[in-house]
Amino acid sequence: MSIAWQTSRLQLKILDQDRAAEVVDFIVGNEPYFKIWEPVREPEYFTIGKQAELLAAERRSIADGTLFKVWLHQDDKIIGSVAVSNIVRGVFQSGHVGYKLAQSHTGKGYMTEALSAVVSHCFDTLEMHRLEANIMPRNAASLNVVRRLGFYEEGLAIKYLKINGVWEDHLHMVIRNERLE
């Protein structure tokens, strides 16, 4: 069973493992595009079994409060995802934002729309204080998305993440829930 929210053009769904084949279609169909922005993936990653396992793990992490992840749908087809991971409560009340969008849907405002809804959910419903996105400086489209939503730059992390087999610098972008300050 999926849990869903609606934006003006998208459905944002938390998926069960029975939707693993759809996830595989999405990641395999966009693999050449995603490859330059993601870690090197083992062949098993592209299987229904592995994606079912990952979806089940997502559900457990959502239930324990360390993750909030939605899959973006248009016309009942997956076109992307937005995740807030590493959610820490207590005095921190923060998490890390990550997202991806099918290449065929880039440049149309879909990610801005989806991420705006997720930020609102995290701030209004989950009462988080801070969201952080780490983005490679060469990823202008992604930087534009977060800047449009009010994220600001806190600094440059040198060789922060290993992307496509190479340690890449990342700009540390942040948005704060000023209602909680």
N, C-alpha and C. Protein backbone atom coordinates (compact mmCIF):
# COMPACT_ATOMS: atom_id res chain seq x y z
N MET A 1 0.84 -1.18 0.00
CA MET A 1 0.00 0.00 0.00
C MET A 1 0.88 1.24 0.00
N SER A 2 0.56 2.21 -0.85
CA SER A 2 1.28 3.47 -0.91
C SER A 2 0.55 4.53 -0.11
N ILE A 3 1.31 5.43 0.49
CA ILE A 3 0.76 6.61 1.15
C ILE A 3 1.11 7.78 0.25
N ALA A 4 0.13 8.68 -0.04
CA ALA A 4 0.38 9.70 -1.05
C ALA A 4 -0.08 11.09 -0.60
N TRP A 5 0.63 12.09 -1.14
CA TRP A 5 0.27 13.50 -1.03
C TRP A 5 0.18 14.03 -2.44
N GLN A 6 -0.52 15.12 -2.61
CA GLN A 6 -0.70 15.71 -3.94
C GLN A 6 -0.14 17.13 -3.94
N THR A 7 0.62 17.48 -4.99
CA THR A 7 0.97 18.87 -5.26
C THR A 7 0.16 19.27 -6.49
N SER A 8 0.44 20.43 -7.05
CA SER A 8 -0.37 20.85 -8.20
C SER A 8 -0.20 19.93 -9.41
N ARG A 9 0.99 19.35 -9.60
CA ARG A 9 1.21 18.51 -10.78
C ARG A 9 1.71 17.10 -10.47
N LEU A 10 1.96 16.80 -9.20
CA LEU A 10 2.61 15.54 -8.84
C LEU A 10 1.88 14.85 -7.70
N GLN A 11 2.06 13.54 -7.64
CA GLN A 11 1.73 12.77 -6.45
C GLN A 11 3.04 12.39 -5.80
N LEU A 12 3.12 12.57 -4.49
CA LEU A 12 4.30 12.19 -3.71
C LEU A 12 3.91 10.99 -2.88
N LYS A 13 4.57 9.85 -3.13
CA LYS A 13 4.14 8.60 -2.50
C LYS A 13 5.28 7.95 -1.72
N ILE A 14 4.91 7.39 -0.56
CA ILE A 14 5.78 6.48 0.16
C ILE A 14 5.42 5.09 -0.35
N LEU A 15 6.39 4.38 -0.88
CA LEU A 15 6.11 3.11 -1.55
C LEU A 15 6.40 1.90 -0.68
N ASP A 16 5.64 0.85 -0.92
CA ASP A 16 5.91 -0.47 -0.35
C ASP A 16 6.80 -1.25 -1.31
N GLN A 17 7.33 -2.34 -0.81
CA GLN A 17 8.25 -3.14 -1.62
C GLN A 17 7.57 -3.77 -2.83
N ASP A 18 6.25 -3.83 -2.84
CA ASP A 18 5.57 -4.39 -4.01
C ASP A 18 5.65 -3.47 -5.24
N ARG A 19 6.22 -2.29 -5.08
CA ARG A 19 6.40 -1.36 -6.20
C ARG A 19 7.84 -1.39 -6.73
N ALA A 20 8.61 -2.40 -6.33
CA ALA A 20 10.03 -2.48 -6.69
C ALA A 20 10.26 -2.51 -8.19
N ALA A 21 9.41 -3.18 -8.95
CA ALA A 21 9.60 -3.25 -10.41
C ALA A 21 9.51 -1.85 -11.03
N GLU A 22 8.61 -1.02 -10.51
CA GLU A 22 8.49 0.35 -11.01
C GLU A 22 9.75 1.17 -10.71
N VAL A 23 10.30 0.95 -9.52
CA VAL A 23 11.54 1.64 -9.15
C VAL A 23 12.68 1.21 -10.07
N VAL A 24 12.76 -0.09 -10.35
CA VAL A 24 13.79 -0.59 -11.26
C VAL A 24 13.63 0.05 -12.64
N ASP A 25 12.42 0.12 -13.14
CA ASP A 25 12.19 0.77 -14.44
C ASP A 25 12.70 2.21 -14.43
N PHE A 26 12.42 2.92 -13.35
CA PHE A 26 12.86 4.31 -13.22
C PHE A 26 14.39 4.42 -13.19
N ILE A 27 15.04 3.63 -12.34
CA ILE A 27 16.50 3.79 -12.21
C ILE A 27 17.24 3.26 -13.44
N VAL A 28 16.76 2.16 -14.02
CA VAL A 28 17.42 1.63 -15.23
C VAL A 28 17.21 2.59 -16.40
N GLY A 29 16.01 3.14 -16.52
CA GLY A 29 15.71 4.06 -17.61
C GLY A 29 16.49 5.36 -17.54
N ASN A 30 17.00 5.71 -16.36
CA ASN A 30 17.74 6.95 -16.18
C ASN A 30 19.20 6.73 -15.78
N GLU A 31 19.64 5.49 -15.81
CA GLU A 31 20.97 5.15 -15.31
C GLU A 31 22.10 5.96 -15.95
N PRO A 32 22.13 6.15 -17.26
CA PRO A 32 23.24 6.95 -17.82
C PRO A 32 23.25 8.39 -17.29
N TYR A 33 22.09 8.96 -17.08
CA TYR A 33 21.98 10.33 -16.56
C TYR A 33 22.36 10.39 -15.07
N PHE A 34 21.84 9.45 -14.27
CA PHE A 34 22.12 9.45 -12.84
C PHE A 34 23.57 9.13 -12.53
N LYS A 35 24.21 8.36 -13.39
CA LYS A 35 25.56 7.86 -13.13
C LYS A 35 26.54 8.97 -12.75
N ILE A 36 26.44 10.12 -13.39
CA ILE A 36 27.41 11.19 -13.12
C ILE A 36 27.16 11.91 -11.80
N TRP A 37 26.01 11.66 -11.18
CA TRP A 37 25.64 12.35 -9.93
C TRP A 37 25.60 11.42 -8.73
N GLU A 38 25.84 10.12 -8.91
CA GLU A 38 25.65 9.16 -7.83
C GLU A 38 26.89 8.29 -7.62
N PRO A 39 26.93 7.55 -6.50
CA PRO A 39 28.02 6.59 -6.30
C PRO A 39 27.98 5.49 -7.35
N VAL A 40 29.07 4.81 -7.52
CA VAL A 40 29.11 3.64 -8.41
C VAL A 40 28.17 2.59 -7.82
N ARG A 41 27.33 2.02 -8.66
CA ARG A 41 26.35 1.02 -8.21
C ARG A 41 26.77 -0.37 -8.66
N GLU A 42 26.61 -1.34 -7.78
CA GLU A 42 26.83 -2.75 -8.13
C GLU A 42 25.67 -3.22 -8.99
N PRO A 43 25.88 -4.23 -9.85
CA PRO A 43 24.79 -4.72 -10.71
C PRO A 43 23.54 -5.13 -9.94
N GLU A 44 23.69 -5.65 -8.74
CA GLU A 44 22.55 -6.07 -7.93
C GLU A 44 21.59 -4.92 -7.64
N TYR A 45 22.10 -3.69 -7.58
CA TYR A 45 21.28 -2.51 -7.29
C TYR A 45 20.12 -2.38 -8.28
N PHE A 46 20.35 -2.83 -9.50
CA PHE A 46 19.38 -2.67 -10.59
C PHE A 46 18.40 -3.84 -10.70
N THR A 47 18.25 -4.62 -9.60
CA THR A 47 17.35 -5.77 -9.62
C THR A 47 16.10 -5.49 -8.77
N ILE A 48 15.04 -6.19 -9.10
CA ILE A 48 13.80 -6.06 -8.34
C ILE A 48 14.01 -6.50 -6.89
N GLY A 49 14.75 -7.56 -6.70
CA GLY A 49 15.00 -8.05 -5.34
C GLY A 49 15.69 -7.01 -4.48
N LYS A 50 16.72 -6.37 -5.00
CA LYS A 50 17.45 -5.36 -4.23
C LYS A 50 16.58 -4.14 -3.97
N GLN A 51 15.82 -3.72 -4.97
CA GLN A 51 14.95 -2.55 -4.77
C GLN A 51 13.82 -2.85 -3.78
N ALA A 52 13.31 -4.07 -3.79
CA ALA A 52 12.30 -4.46 -2.80
C ALA A 52 12.90 -4.38 -1.39
N GLU A 53 14.13 -4.86 -1.27
CA GLU A 53 14.84 -4.80 0.01
C GLU A 53 15.03 -3.34 0.45
N LEU A 54 15.42 -2.48 -0.48
CA LEU A 54 15.63 -1.06 -0.16
C LEU A 54 14.32 -0.36 0.20
N LEU A 55 13.24 -0.69 -0.51
CA LEU A 55 11.94 -0.10 -0.18
C LEU A 55 11.47 -0.54 1.21
N ALA A 56 11.69 -1.79 1.55
CA ALA A 56 11.32 -2.27 2.89
C ALA A 56 12.15 -1.55 3.96
N ALA A 57 13.43 -1.34 3.68
CA ALA A 57 14.29 -0.61 4.62
C ALA A 57 13.85 0.85 4.74
N GLU A 58 13.43 1.45 3.62
CA GLU A 58 12.90 2.82 3.66
C GLU A 58 11.71 2.89 4.61
N ARG A 59 10.78 1.95 4.46
CA ARG A 59 9.58 1.94 5.31
C ARG A 59 9.95 1.84 6.79
N ARG A 60 10.92 0.97 7.11
CA ARG A 60 11.35 0.83 8.50
C ARG A 60 11.96 2.13 9.01
N SER A 61 12.79 2.76 8.19
CA SER A 61 13.44 4.01 8.60
C SER A 61 12.44 5.16 8.73
N ILE A 62 11.44 5.17 7.86
CA ILE A 62 10.37 6.18 7.99
C ILE A 62 9.63 5.95 9.30
N ALA A 63 9.33 4.69 9.60
CA ALA A 63 8.60 4.36 10.83
C ALA A 63 9.40 4.73 12.08
N ASP A 64 10.73 4.58 12.03
CA ASP A 64 11.53 4.91 13.23
C ASP A 64 11.95 6.38 13.26
N GLY A 65 11.56 7.15 12.23
CA GLY A 65 11.79 8.59 12.25
C GLY A 65 13.13 9.07 11.78
N THR A 66 13.94 8.18 11.20
CA THR A 66 15.27 8.60 10.72
C THR A 66 15.28 8.96 9.24
N LEU A 67 14.14 8.77 8.56
CA LEU A 67 14.03 9.03 7.13
C LEU A 67 12.63 9.52 6.81
N PHE A 68 12.55 10.43 5.85
CA PHE A 68 11.28 10.76 5.20
C PHE A 68 11.58 10.74 3.71
N LYS A 69 10.93 9.85 2.96
CA LYS A 69 11.20 9.74 1.54
C LYS A 69 9.90 9.57 0.77
N VAL A 70 9.80 10.33 -0.32
CA VAL A 70 8.66 10.19 -1.22
C VAL A 70 9.17 9.98 -2.63
N TRP A 71 8.38 9.23 -3.38
CA TRP A 71 8.64 9.00 -4.80
C TRP A 71 7.68 9.88 -5.59
N LEU A 72 8.19 10.61 -6.56
CA LEU A 72 7.39 11.53 -7.35
C LEU A 72 6.75 10.78 -8.50
N HIS A 73 5.44 10.97 -8.64
CA HIS A 73 4.68 10.31 -9.70
C HIS A 73 3.94 11.35 -10.53
N GLN A 74 3.87 11.05 -11.82
CA GLN A 74 3.02 11.81 -12.73
C GLN A 74 2.36 10.78 -13.63
N ASP A 75 1.05 10.87 -13.73
CA ASP A 75 0.28 9.87 -14.50
C ASP A 75 0.61 8.46 -14.02
N ASP A 76 0.73 8.29 -12.70
CA ASP A 76 1.03 7.02 -12.05
C ASP A 76 2.34 6.38 -12.48
N LYS A 77 3.29 7.21 -12.93
CA LYS A 77 4.62 6.72 -13.29
C LYS A 77 5.66 7.45 -12.45
N ILE A 78 6.65 6.71 -11.92
CA ILE A 78 7.71 7.32 -11.12
C ILE A 78 8.56 8.22 -12.01
N ILE A 79 8.74 9.46 -11.56
CA ILE A 79 9.62 10.39 -12.29
C ILE A 79 10.73 10.92 -11.40
N GLY A 80 10.74 10.56 -10.12
CA GLY A 80 11.80 11.05 -9.24
C GLY A 80 11.57 10.65 -7.80
N SER A 81 12.43 11.19 -6.93
CA SER A 81 12.29 10.95 -5.50
C SER A 81 12.94 12.11 -4.74
N VAL A 82 12.46 12.30 -3.51
CA VAL A 82 13.06 13.24 -2.58
C VAL A 82 13.16 12.53 -1.24
N ALA A 83 14.33 12.60 -0.63
CA ALA A 83 14.54 11.96 0.67
C ALA A 83 15.16 12.94 1.64
N VAL A 84 14.72 12.87 2.88
CA VAL A 84 15.39 13.54 3.99
C VAL A 84 15.89 12.41 4.87
N SER A 85 17.21 12.21 4.86
CA SER A 85 17.81 11.09 5.58
C SER A 85 18.63 11.60 6.76
N ASN A 86 19.16 10.67 7.51
CA ASN A 86 19.99 11.00 8.67
C ASN A 86 19.27 11.98 9.60
N ILE A 87 17.97 11.80 9.77
CA ILE A 87 17.22 12.69 10.64
C ILE A 87 17.65 12.44 12.09
N VAL A 88 18.07 13.52 12.72
CA VAL A 88 18.49 13.47 14.12
C VAL A 88 17.60 14.42 14.90
N ARG A 89 17.06 13.95 15.99
CA ARG A 89 16.18 14.76 16.83
C ARG A 89 16.99 15.37 17.97
N GLY A 90 16.41 15.52 19.14
CA GLY A 90 17.11 16.13 20.27
C GLY A 90 17.42 17.59 19.99
N VAL A 91 18.63 18.01 20.31
CA VAL A 91 19.00 19.41 20.12
C VAL A 91 19.30 19.75 18.67
N PHE A 92 19.39 18.75 17.79
CA PHE A 92 19.78 18.99 16.40
C PHE A 92 18.56 19.25 15.50
N GLN A 93 17.57 18.37 15.52
CA GLN A 93 16.34 18.51 14.72
C GLN A 93 16.64 18.78 13.25
N SER A 94 17.48 17.94 12.65
CA SER A 94 17.98 18.20 11.31
C SER A 94 18.05 16.92 10.49
N GLY A 95 18.20 17.11 9.17
CA GLY A 95 18.36 15.98 8.26
C GLY A 95 19.00 16.42 6.97
N HIS A 96 19.42 15.45 6.18
CA HIS A 96 20.08 15.70 4.89
C HIS A 96 19.11 15.43 3.75
N VAL A 97 19.03 16.36 2.82
CA VAL A 97 18.14 16.27 1.67
C VAL A 97 18.89 15.69 0.47
N GLY A 98 18.24 14.77 -0.22
CA GLY A 98 18.74 14.23 -1.48
C GLY A 98 17.58 14.03 -2.42
N TYR A 99 17.82 14.19 -3.70
CA TYR A 99 16.73 14.05 -4.66
C TYR A 99 17.26 13.67 -6.02
N LYS A 100 16.36 13.14 -6.83
CA LYS A 100 16.69 12.81 -8.22
C LYS A 100 15.43 12.91 -9.06
N LEU A 101 15.62 13.23 -10.32
CA LEU A 101 14.50 13.42 -11.23
C LEU A 101 14.87 12.83 -12.58
N ALA A 102 13.92 12.16 -13.21
CA ALA A 102 14.14 11.60 -14.54
C ALA A 102 14.62 12.70 -15.49
N GLN A 103 15.59 12.38 -16.29
CA GLN A 103 16.15 13.36 -17.20
C GLN A 103 15.09 14.00 -18.09
N SER A 104 14.10 13.22 -18.50
CA SER A 104 13.05 13.74 -19.37
C SER A 104 12.15 14.77 -18.69
N HIS A 105 12.25 14.89 -17.37
CA HIS A 105 11.40 15.82 -16.62
C HIS A 105 12.17 17.01 -16.04
N THR A 106 13.46 17.10 -16.34
CA THR A 106 14.25 18.22 -15.80
C THR A 106 13.89 19.52 -16.50
N GLY A 107 14.14 20.62 -15.81
CA GLY A 107 13.93 21.94 -16.38
C GLY A 107 12.48 22.38 -16.46
N LYS A 108 11.58 21.69 -15.78
CA LYS A 108 10.15 22.00 -15.85
C LYS A 108 9.56 22.40 -14.50
N GLY A 109 10.41 22.54 -13.49
CA GLY A 109 9.95 22.96 -12.17
C GLY A 109 9.42 21.85 -11.28
N TYR A 110 9.47 20.61 -11.73
CA TYR A 110 8.93 19.50 -10.93
C TYR A 110 9.69 19.32 -9.61
N MET A 111 11.02 19.39 -9.66
CA MET A 111 11.76 19.18 -8.43
C MET A 111 11.56 20.33 -7.46
N THR A 112 11.48 21.54 -7.95
CA THR A 112 11.20 22.67 -7.07
C THR A 112 9.85 22.48 -6.38
N GLU A 113 8.86 22.05 -7.14
CA GLU A 113 7.52 21.80 -6.60
C GLU A 113 7.55 20.70 -5.53
N ALA A 114 8.21 19.60 -5.84
CA ALA A 114 8.25 18.47 -4.91
C ALA A 114 9.07 18.80 -3.66
N LEU A 115 10.23 19.40 -3.85
CA LEU A 115 11.09 19.71 -2.71
C LEU A 115 10.43 20.76 -1.81
N SER A 116 9.72 21.70 -2.40
CA SER A 116 8.99 22.69 -1.60
C SER A 116 7.98 21.99 -0.69
N ALA A 117 7.25 21.01 -1.22
CA ALA A 117 6.28 20.26 -0.42
C ALA A 117 6.96 19.48 0.70
N VAL A 118 8.11 18.89 0.40
CA VAL A 118 8.84 18.11 1.41
C VAL A 118 9.38 19.03 2.50
N VAL A 119 9.94 20.16 2.12
CA VAL A 119 10.44 21.11 3.12
C VAL A 119 9.28 21.55 4.02
N SER A 120 8.14 21.88 3.44
CA SER A 120 6.97 22.28 4.24
C SER A 120 6.57 21.17 5.20
N HIS A 121 6.53 19.93 4.72
CA HIS A 121 6.17 18.80 5.59
C HIS A 121 7.18 18.66 6.74
N CYS A 122 8.46 18.75 6.42
CA CYS A 122 9.49 18.61 7.45
C CYS A 122 9.40 19.72 8.49
N PHE A 123 9.12 20.93 8.05
CA PHE A 123 9.06 22.05 8.98
C PHE A 123 7.72 22.12 9.72
N ASP A 124 6.62 21.92 9.01
CA ASP A 124 5.30 22.10 9.62
C ASP A 124 4.82 20.87 10.40
N THR A 125 5.02 19.69 9.84
CA THR A 125 4.51 18.46 10.46
C THR A 125 5.55 17.79 11.34
N LEU A 126 6.77 17.63 10.82
CA LEU A 126 7.82 16.96 11.59
C LEU A 126 8.54 17.90 12.55
N GLU A 127 8.27 19.20 12.42
CA GLU A 127 8.85 20.23 13.28
C GLU A 127 10.38 20.16 13.34
N MET A 128 10.98 19.97 12.18
CA MET A 128 12.43 19.98 12.09
C MET A 128 12.92 21.42 12.04
N HIS A 129 14.15 21.64 12.48
CA HIS A 129 14.73 22.99 12.51
C HIS A 129 15.56 23.29 11.27
N ARG A 130 16.19 22.28 10.68
CA ARG A 130 17.19 22.55 9.65
C ARG A 130 17.25 21.40 8.66
N LEU A 131 17.37 21.75 7.37
CA LEU A 131 17.60 20.75 6.32
C LEU A 131 18.87 21.14 5.59
N GLU A 132 19.67 20.14 5.25
CA GLU A 132 20.96 20.37 4.61
C GLU A 132 21.02 19.59 3.30
N ALA A 133 21.51 20.25 2.26
CA ALA A 133 21.73 19.59 0.96
C ALA A 133 23.18 19.83 0.56
N ASN A 134 23.87 18.78 0.20
CA ASN A 134 25.25 18.89 -0.25
C ASN A 134 25.28 18.63 -1.75
N ILE A 135 25.74 19.63 -2.51
CA ILE A 135 25.60 19.61 -3.97
C ILE A 135 26.93 19.95 -4.62
N MET A 136 27.30 19.19 -5.64
CA MET A 136 28.53 19.47 -6.36
C MET A 136 28.43 20.85 -7.03
N PRO A 137 29.47 21.67 -6.94
CA PRO A 137 29.42 23.01 -7.54
C PRO A 137 29.07 23.01 -9.02
N ARG A 138 29.39 21.95 -9.74
CA ARG A 138 29.10 21.90 -11.18
C ARG A 138 27.64 21.54 -11.49
N ASN A 139 26.87 21.21 -10.45
CA ASN A 139 25.46 20.84 -10.65
C ASN A 139 24.59 22.09 -10.53
N ALA A 140 24.67 22.95 -11.53
CA ALA A 140 23.97 24.24 -11.52
C ALA A 140 22.46 24.07 -11.38
N ALA A 141 21.88 23.08 -12.03
CA ALA A 141 20.43 22.89 -11.97
C ALA A 141 19.98 22.59 -10.54
N SER A 142 20.70 21.73 -9.85
CA SER A 142 20.36 21.39 -8.47
C SER A 142 20.55 22.59 -7.55
N LEU A 143 21.62 23.32 -7.75
CA LEU A 143 21.84 24.52 -6.93
C LEU A 143 20.72 25.53 -7.15
N ASN A 144 20.26 25.67 -8.38
CA ASN A 144 19.16 26.59 -8.66
C ASN A 144 17.88 26.17 -7.93
N VAL A 145 17.62 24.86 -7.87
CA VAL A 145 16.42 24.38 -7.17
C VAL A 145 16.45 24.81 -5.71
N VAL A 146 17.53 24.51 -5.01
CA VAL A 146 17.56 24.82 -3.57
C VAL A 146 17.60 26.32 -3.32
N ARG A 147 18.31 27.05 -4.15
CA ARG A 147 18.35 28.51 -3.97
C ARG A 147 16.97 29.13 -4.15
N ARG A 148 16.19 28.64 -5.12
CA ARG A 148 14.82 29.14 -5.32
C ARG A 148 13.97 28.95 -4.06
N LEU A 149 14.27 27.90 -3.31
CA LEU A 149 13.48 27.59 -2.12
C LEU A 149 14.01 28.25 -0.85
N GLY A 150 15.10 29.00 -0.96
CA GLY A 150 15.62 29.72 0.19
C GLY A 150 16.79 29.09 0.90
N PHE A 151 17.35 28.01 0.35
CA PHE A 151 18.57 27.45 0.93
C PHE A 151 19.70 28.44 0.71
N TYR A 152 20.60 28.52 1.65
CA TYR A 152 21.78 29.39 1.53
C TYR A 152 23.04 28.55 1.69
N GLU A 153 24.16 29.07 1.22
CA GLU A 153 25.43 28.35 1.24
C GLU A 153 26.14 28.58 2.57
N GLU A 154 26.55 27.47 3.20
CA GLU A 154 27.33 27.56 4.44
C GLU A 154 28.80 27.26 4.22
N GLY A 155 29.17 26.77 3.05
CA GLY A 155 30.58 26.52 2.82
C GLY A 155 30.81 25.40 1.83
N LEU A 156 32.08 25.16 1.55
CA LEU A 156 32.49 24.13 0.61
C LEU A 156 33.15 22.99 1.37
N ALA A 157 32.66 21.78 1.16
CA ALA A 157 33.26 20.58 1.74
C ALA A 157 34.15 19.95 0.67
N ILE A 158 35.44 19.93 0.91
CA ILE A 158 36.42 19.43 -0.06
C ILE A 158 36.39 17.90 -0.09
N LYS A 159 36.30 17.36 -1.31
CA LYS A 159 36.31 15.90 -1.53
C LYS A 159 35.36 15.21 -0.53
N TYR A 160 34.13 15.66 -0.52
CA TYR A 160 33.14 15.28 0.48
C TYR A 160 32.52 13.91 0.25
N LEU A 161 32.12 13.63 -1.00
CA LEU A 161 31.48 12.36 -1.32
C LEU A 161 32.12 11.74 -2.56
N LYS A 162 32.14 10.41 -2.59
CA LYS A 162 32.69 9.70 -3.74
C LYS A 162 31.56 9.45 -4.74
N ILE A 163 31.58 10.22 -5.82
CA ILE A 163 30.53 10.19 -6.83
C ILE A 163 31.11 9.63 -8.12
N ASN A 164 30.46 8.61 -8.65
CA ASN A 164 30.91 7.97 -9.89
C ASN A 164 32.41 7.63 -9.82
N GLY A 165 32.85 7.19 -8.65
CA GLY A 165 34.22 6.74 -8.47
C GLY A 165 35.23 7.83 -8.17
N VAL A 166 34.81 9.09 -8.02
CA VAL A 166 35.73 10.21 -7.79
C VAL A 166 35.27 11.00 -6.56
N TRP A 167 36.23 11.36 -5.70
CA TRP A 167 35.90 12.21 -4.55
C TRP A 167 35.60 13.61 -5.06
N GLU A 168 34.39 14.09 -4.78
CA GLU A 168 33.92 15.38 -5.31
C GLU A 168 33.70 16.39 -4.18
N ASP A 169 34.04 17.65 -4.47
CA ASP A 169 33.70 18.75 -3.57
C ASP A 169 32.19 18.96 -3.62
N HIS A 170 31.63 19.45 -2.51
CA HIS A 170 30.20 19.74 -2.44
C HIS A 170 29.98 21.06 -1.70
N LEU A 171 29.05 21.85 -2.22
CA LEU A 171 28.60 23.04 -1.51
C LEU A 171 27.57 22.60 -0.47
N HIS A 172 27.73 23.10 0.73
CA HIS A 172 26.84 22.77 1.84
C HIS A 172 25.75 23.83 1.86
N MET A 173 24.53 23.43 1.45
CA MET A 173 23.38 24.34 1.36
C MET A 173 22.41 24.02 2.49
N VAL A 174 21.84 25.05 3.09
CA VAL A 174 21.01 24.88 4.29
C VAL A 174 19.77 25.75 4.20
N ILE A 175 18.67 25.24 4.75
CA ILE A 175 17.49 26.05 5.01
C ILE A 175 17.07 25.77 6.45
N ARG A 176 16.68 26.83 7.15
CA ARG A 176 16.27 26.71 8.55
C ARG A 176 14.79 27.02 8.68
N ASN A 177 14.16 26.37 9.63
CA ASN A 177 12.77 26.63 9.98
C ASN A 177 12.77 27.79 10.95
N GLU A 178 12.66 28.99 10.44
CA GLU A 178 12.79 30.19 11.27
C GLU A 178 11.64 30.36 12.26
N ARG A 179 10.54 29.64 12.02
CA ARG A 179 9.43 29.69 12.98
C ARG A 179 9.82 29.07 14.32
N LEU A 180 10.82 28.20 14.30
CA LEU A 180 11.25 27.54 15.55
C LEU A 180 12.37 28.28 16.26
N GLU A 181 12.79 29.41 15.70
CA GLU A 181 13.94 30.13 16.30
C GLU A 181 13.47 31.21 17.26
